[in-house]
Amino acid sequence: GIKRVFLINSVRVDKSYWTAPALAPETLRSTLLEGLSIARDTKLPEVSLHKLFKPFAQDLAPHLHSGNAFVAHPVSNHRTRSPSEIPKTVGRIPLAIGPEGGFTNYEVGLLNEAGFESLSLGERIYSVENAVPVLTALF
């Protein structure tokens, strides 16, 4: 399953998101426990909030992987791979999924500099609720 979740601010994230009741620690824990019960799992993922994108991308993201890492983005000025090009590996693979509309090209560039390869499911924009299970299923 998913071991760690980093919720990261981005240009396209509505600023009110960070004050939403859903991000209150007790609400997050309750939501995660409900998900675990549905999945019949017992290991709670670690969740951390990062309100500043650039420090996350430059200071933390490079240390999240030792090999494959991907940033999902519908259209990019950077080299983008399709899921069929992704090597089938076992183990931890960091995956950055942007907000509705994706990351900006600047944000994708910062993640690319941190060692995250661009990955695309095509030109269509997916909601986060759809992108997460589709992309995690690919890995």
C-alpha atoms as a PDB file:
ATOM      1  CA  GLY A   1       0.000   0.000   0.000  1.00  0.00           C
ATOM      2  CA  ILE A   2       0.864   3.631   0.159  1.00  0.00           C
ATOM      3  CA  LYS A   3       3.322   4.335   2.977  1.00  0.00           C
ATOM      4  CA  ARG A   4       3.590   8.129   2.951  1.00  0.00           C
ATOM      5  CA  VAL A   5       1.396  10.959   1.667  1.00  0.00           C
ATOM      6  CA  PHE A   6       2.723  14.471   1.210  1.00  0.00           C
ATOM      7  CA  LEU A   7       0.033  17.113   0.706  1.00  0.00           C
ATOM      8  CA  ILE A   8       1.825  19.968  -1.037  1.00  0.00           C
ATOM      9  CA  ASN A   9       0.691  23.465  -1.885  1.00  0.00           C
ATOM     10  CA  SER A  10       0.870  24.422  -5.543  1.00  0.00           C
ATOM     11  CA  VAL A  11      -0.062  27.459  -7.632  1.00  0.00           C
ATOM     12  CA  ARG A  12      -3.332  25.776  -8.670  1.00  0.00           C
ATOM     13  CA  VAL A  13      -4.360  24.760  -5.153  1.00  0.00           C
ATOM     14  CA  ASP A  14      -7.128  26.972  -3.818  1.00  0.00           C
ATOM     15  CA  LYS A  15      -5.800  28.777  -0.749  1.00  0.00           C
ATOM     16  CA  SER A  16      -8.905  27.860   1.276  1.00  0.00           C
ATOM     17  CA  TYR A  17      -7.880  24.193   1.000  1.00  0.00           C
ATOM     18  CA  TRP A  18      -5.351  24.666   3.796  1.00  0.00           C
ATOM     19  CA  THR A  19      -8.031  25.759   6.271  1.00  0.00           C
ATOM     20  CA  ALA A  20     -10.496  23.023   5.321  1.00  0.00           C
ATOM     21  CA  PRO A  21     -11.820  20.908   8.217  1.00  0.00           C
ATOM     22  CA  ALA A  22     -10.783  17.772   6.266  1.00  0.00           C
ATOM     23  CA  LEU A  23      -7.131  18.598   7.006  1.00  0.00           C
ATOM     24  CA  ALA A  24      -7.607  18.742  10.771  1.00  0.00           C
ATOM     25  CA  PRO A  25      -5.443  15.979  12.315  1.00  0.00           C
ATOM     26  CA  GLU A  26      -8.402  14.138  13.893  1.00  0.00           C
ATOM     27  CA  THR A  27     -10.372  14.251  10.624  1.00  0.00           C
ATOM     28  CA  LEU A  28      -7.393  13.037   8.584  1.00  0.00           C
ATOM     29  CA  ARG A  29      -6.848  10.154  10.993  1.00  0.00           C
ATOM     30  CA  SER A  30     -10.526   9.175  10.888  1.00  0.00           C
ATOM     31  CA  THR A  31     -10.525   9.247   7.084  1.00  0.00           C
ATOM     32  CA  LEU A  32      -7.362   7.150   6.911  1.00  0.00           C
ATOM     33  CA  LEU A  33      -8.765   4.603   9.376  1.00  0.00           C
ATOM     34  CA  GLU A  34     -11.940   4.315   7.305  1.00  0.00           C
ATOM     35  CA  GLY A  35      -9.825   3.693   4.205  1.00  0.00           C
ATOM     36  CA  LEU A  36      -7.806   1.037   6.022  1.00  0.00           C
ATOM     37  CA  SER A  37     -10.972  -0.765   7.118  1.00  0.00           C
ATOM     38  CA  ILE A  38     -12.267  -0.818   3.543  1.00  0.00           C
ATOM     39  CA  ALA A  39      -8.903  -2.070   2.236  1.00  0.00           C
ATOM     40  CA  ARG A  40      -8.583  -4.552   5.118  1.00  0.00           C
ATOM     41  CA  ASP A  41      -5.184  -3.127   5.978  1.00  0.00           C
ATOM     42  CA  THR A  42      -3.661  -2.273   9.336  1.00  0.00           C
ATOM     43  CA  LYS A  43      -0.759   0.058   8.550  1.00  0.00           C
ATOM     44  CA  LEU A  44      -1.655   3.739   8.712  1.00  0.00           C
ATOM     45  CA  PRO A  45       0.242   5.827   6.129  1.00  0.00           C
ATOM     46  CA  GLU A  46       2.223   8.819   7.329  1.00  0.00           C
ATOM     47  CA  VAL A  47       0.680  12.123   6.173  1.00  0.00           C
ATOM     48  CA  SER A  48       2.529  15.443   6.156  1.00  0.00           C
ATOM     49  CA  LEU A  49       1.425  18.895   5.018  1.00  0.00           C
ATOM     50  CA  HIS A  50       3.723  21.205   3.051  1.00  0.00           C
ATOM     51  CA  LYS A  51       2.408  24.699   2.429  1.00  0.00           C
ATOM     52  CA  LEU A  52       5.439  25.839   0.414  1.00  0.00           C
ATOM     53  CA  PHE A  53       6.122  24.033  -2.864  1.00  0.00           C
ATOM     54  CA  LYS A  54       9.637  25.198  -3.693  1.00  0.00           C
ATOM     55  CA  PRO A  55      11.231  24.189  -0.351  1.00  0.00           C
ATOM     56  CA  PHE A  56       9.512  20.798  -0.611  1.00  0.00           C
ATOM     57  CA  ALA A  57      10.736  20.253  -4.184  1.00  0.00           C
ATOM     58  CA  GLN A  58      14.282  21.422  -3.546  1.00  0.00           C
ATOM     59  CA  ASP A  59      14.940  20.242  -0.005  1.00  0.00           C
ATOM     60  CA  LEU A  60      12.834  17.125   0.550  1.00  0.00           C
ATOM     61  CA  ALA A  61      11.878  15.627  -2.829  1.00  0.00           C
ATOM     62  CA  PRO A  62      15.451  14.705  -3.888  1.00  0.00           C
ATOM     63  CA  HIS A  63      15.761  12.534  -0.761  1.00  0.00           C
ATOM     64  CA  LEU A  64      12.508  10.625  -1.293  1.00  0.00           C
ATOM     65  CA  HIS A  65      13.956   8.238  -3.853  1.00  0.00           C
ATOM     66  CA  SER A  66      17.068   6.383  -4.839  1.00  0.00           C
ATOM     67  CA  GLY A  67      15.956   5.481  -8.346  1.00  0.00           C
ATOM     68  CA  ASN A  68      12.620   5.769 -10.074  1.00  0.00           C
ATOM     69  CA  ALA A  69      10.364   8.684  -9.107  1.00  0.00           C
ATOM     70  CA  PHE A  70       7.603  10.230 -11.216  1.00  0.00           C
ATOM     71  CA  VAL A  71       5.542  13.386 -11.484  1.00  0.00           C
ATOM     72  CA  ALA A  72       2.193  12.964 -13.227  1.00  0.00           C
ATOM     73  CA  HIS A  73       1.390  15.881 -15.502  1.00  0.00           C
ATOM     74  CA  PRO A  74      -0.991  15.985 -18.482  1.00  0.00           C
ATOM     75  CA  VAL A  75       1.125  18.238 -20.721  1.00  0.00           C
ATOM     76  CA  SER A  76       4.681  19.295 -20.150  1.00  0.00           C
ATOM     77  CA  ASN A  77       7.508  21.201 -21.790  1.00  0.00           C
ATOM     78  CA  HIS A  78       9.729  18.481 -20.384  1.00  0.00           C
ATOM     79  CA  ARG A  79      10.319  14.934 -21.644  1.00  0.00           C
ATOM     80  CA  THR A  80       7.183  12.988 -20.699  1.00  0.00           C
ATOM     81  CA  ARG A  81       6.852   9.217 -20.540  1.00  0.00           C
ATOM     82  CA  SER A  82       3.703   7.180 -20.942  1.00  0.00           C
ATOM     83  CA  PRO A  83       2.774   4.432 -18.462  1.00  0.00           C
ATOM     84  CA  SER A  84       3.809   1.764 -20.984  1.00  0.00           C
ATOM     85  CA  GLU A  85       7.388   3.100 -20.807  1.00  0.00           C
ATOM     86  CA  ILE A  86       7.648   2.762 -17.035  1.00  0.00           C
ATOM     87  CA  PRO A  87       9.918  -0.075 -15.932  1.00  0.00           C
ATOM     88  CA  LYS A  88       8.155  -2.659 -13.793  1.00  0.00           C
ATOM     89  CA  THR A  89       9.941  -2.531 -10.473  1.00  0.00           C
ATOM     90  CA  VAL A  90       9.259  -3.721  -6.982  1.00  0.00           C
ATOM     91  CA  GLY A  91       9.623  -1.413  -4.036  1.00  0.00           C
ATOM     92  CA  ARG A  92       8.939   2.164  -3.117  1.00  0.00           C
ATOM     93  CA  ILE A  93       8.295   4.509  -6.037  1.00  0.00           C
ATOM     94  CA  PRO A  94       7.543   8.154  -5.224  1.00  0.00           C
ATOM     95  CA  LEU A  95       4.747   9.578  -7.352  1.00  0.00           C
ATOM     96  CA  ALA A  96       3.759  13.265  -7.383  1.00  0.00           C
ATOM     97  CA  ILE A  97       0.183  13.941  -8.497  1.00  0.00           C
ATOM     98  CA  GLY A  98      -0.809  17.564  -8.969  1.00  0.00           C
ATOM     99  CA  PRO A  99      -4.006  19.393  -8.178  1.00  0.00           C
ATOM    100  CA  GLU A 100      -6.906  19.742 -10.612  1.00  0.00           C
ATOM    101  CA  GLY A 101      -5.305  21.076 -13.787  1.00  0.00           C
ATOM    102  CA  GLY A 102      -1.900  19.722 -12.873  1.00  0.00           C
ATOM    103  CA  PHE A 103       1.270  21.376 -11.708  1.00  0.00           C
ATOM    104  CA  THR A 104       2.610  24.436 -13.514  1.00  0.00           C
ATOM    105  CA  ASN A 105       5.544  23.867 -15.869  1.00  0.00           C
ATOM    106  CA  TYR A 106       7.759  25.627 -13.317  1.00  0.00           C
ATOM    107  CA  GLU A 107       6.676  23.158 -10.607  1.00  0.00           C
ATOM    108  CA  VAL A 108       7.211  20.197 -12.926  1.00  0.00           C
ATOM    109  CA  GLY A 109      10.675  21.567 -13.695  1.00  0.00           C
ATOM    110  CA  LEU A 110      11.534  21.739  -9.991  1.00  0.00           C
ATOM    111  CA  LEU A 111      10.404  18.138  -9.509  1.00  0.00           C
ATOM    112  CA  ASN A 112      12.359  17.066 -12.609  1.00  0.00           C
ATOM    113  CA  GLU A 113      15.457  18.709 -11.089  1.00  0.00           C
ATOM    114  CA  ALA A 114      14.757  16.683  -7.920  1.00  0.00           C
ATOM    115  CA  GLY A 115      14.937  13.465  -9.987  1.00  0.00           C
ATOM    116  CA  PHE A 116      11.232  12.960 -10.741  1.00  0.00           C
ATOM    117  CA  GLU A 117      10.563  11.938 -14.351  1.00  0.00           C
ATOM    118  CA  SER A 118       7.455  13.330 -16.036  1.00  0.00           C
ATOM    119  CA  LEU A 119       4.669  10.824 -16.611  1.00  0.00           C
ATOM    120  CA  SER A 120       1.457  11.429 -18.524  1.00  0.00           C
ATOM    121  CA  LEU A 121      -1.834   9.616 -18.965  1.00  0.00           C
ATOM    122  CA  GLY A 122      -2.506  11.807 -22.011  1.00  0.00           C
ATOM    123  CA  GLU A 123      -3.795  15.311 -22.578  1.00  0.00           C
ATOM    124  CA  ARG A 124      -7.032  14.927 -20.614  1.00  0.00           C
ATOM    125  CA  ILE A 125      -7.238  16.381 -17.129  1.00  0.00           C
ATOM    126  CA  TYR A 126      -8.259  13.857 -14.465  1.00  0.00           C
ATOM    127  CA  SER A 127      -9.666  14.762 -11.081  1.00  0.00           C
ATOM    128  CA  VAL A 128      -7.323  13.904  -8.233  1.00  0.00           C
ATOM    129  CA  GLU A 129      -9.900  11.351  -7.037  1.00  0.00           C
ATOM    130  CA  ASN A 130      -9.512   9.512 -10.364  1.00  0.00           C
ATOM    131  CA  ALA A 131      -5.804  10.117 -10.982  1.00  0.00           C
ATOM    132  CA  VAL A 132      -4.647   8.640  -7.676  1.00  0.00           C
ATOM    133  CA  PRO A 133      -6.160   5.143  -8.073  1.00  0.00           C
ATOM    134  CA  VAL A 134      -5.327   4.976 -11.796  1.00  0.00           C
ATOM    135  CA  LEU A 135      -1.701   5.907 -11.267  1.00  0.00           C
ATOM    136  CA  THR A 136      -1.188   3.797  -8.154  1.00  0.00           C
ATOM    137  CA  ALA A 137      -2.683   0.795  -9.975  1.00  0.00           C
ATOM    138  CA  LEU A 138      -0.066   1.238 -12.727  1.00  0.00           C
ATOM    139  CA  PHE A 139       2.678   0.779 -10.184  1.00  0.00           C
END
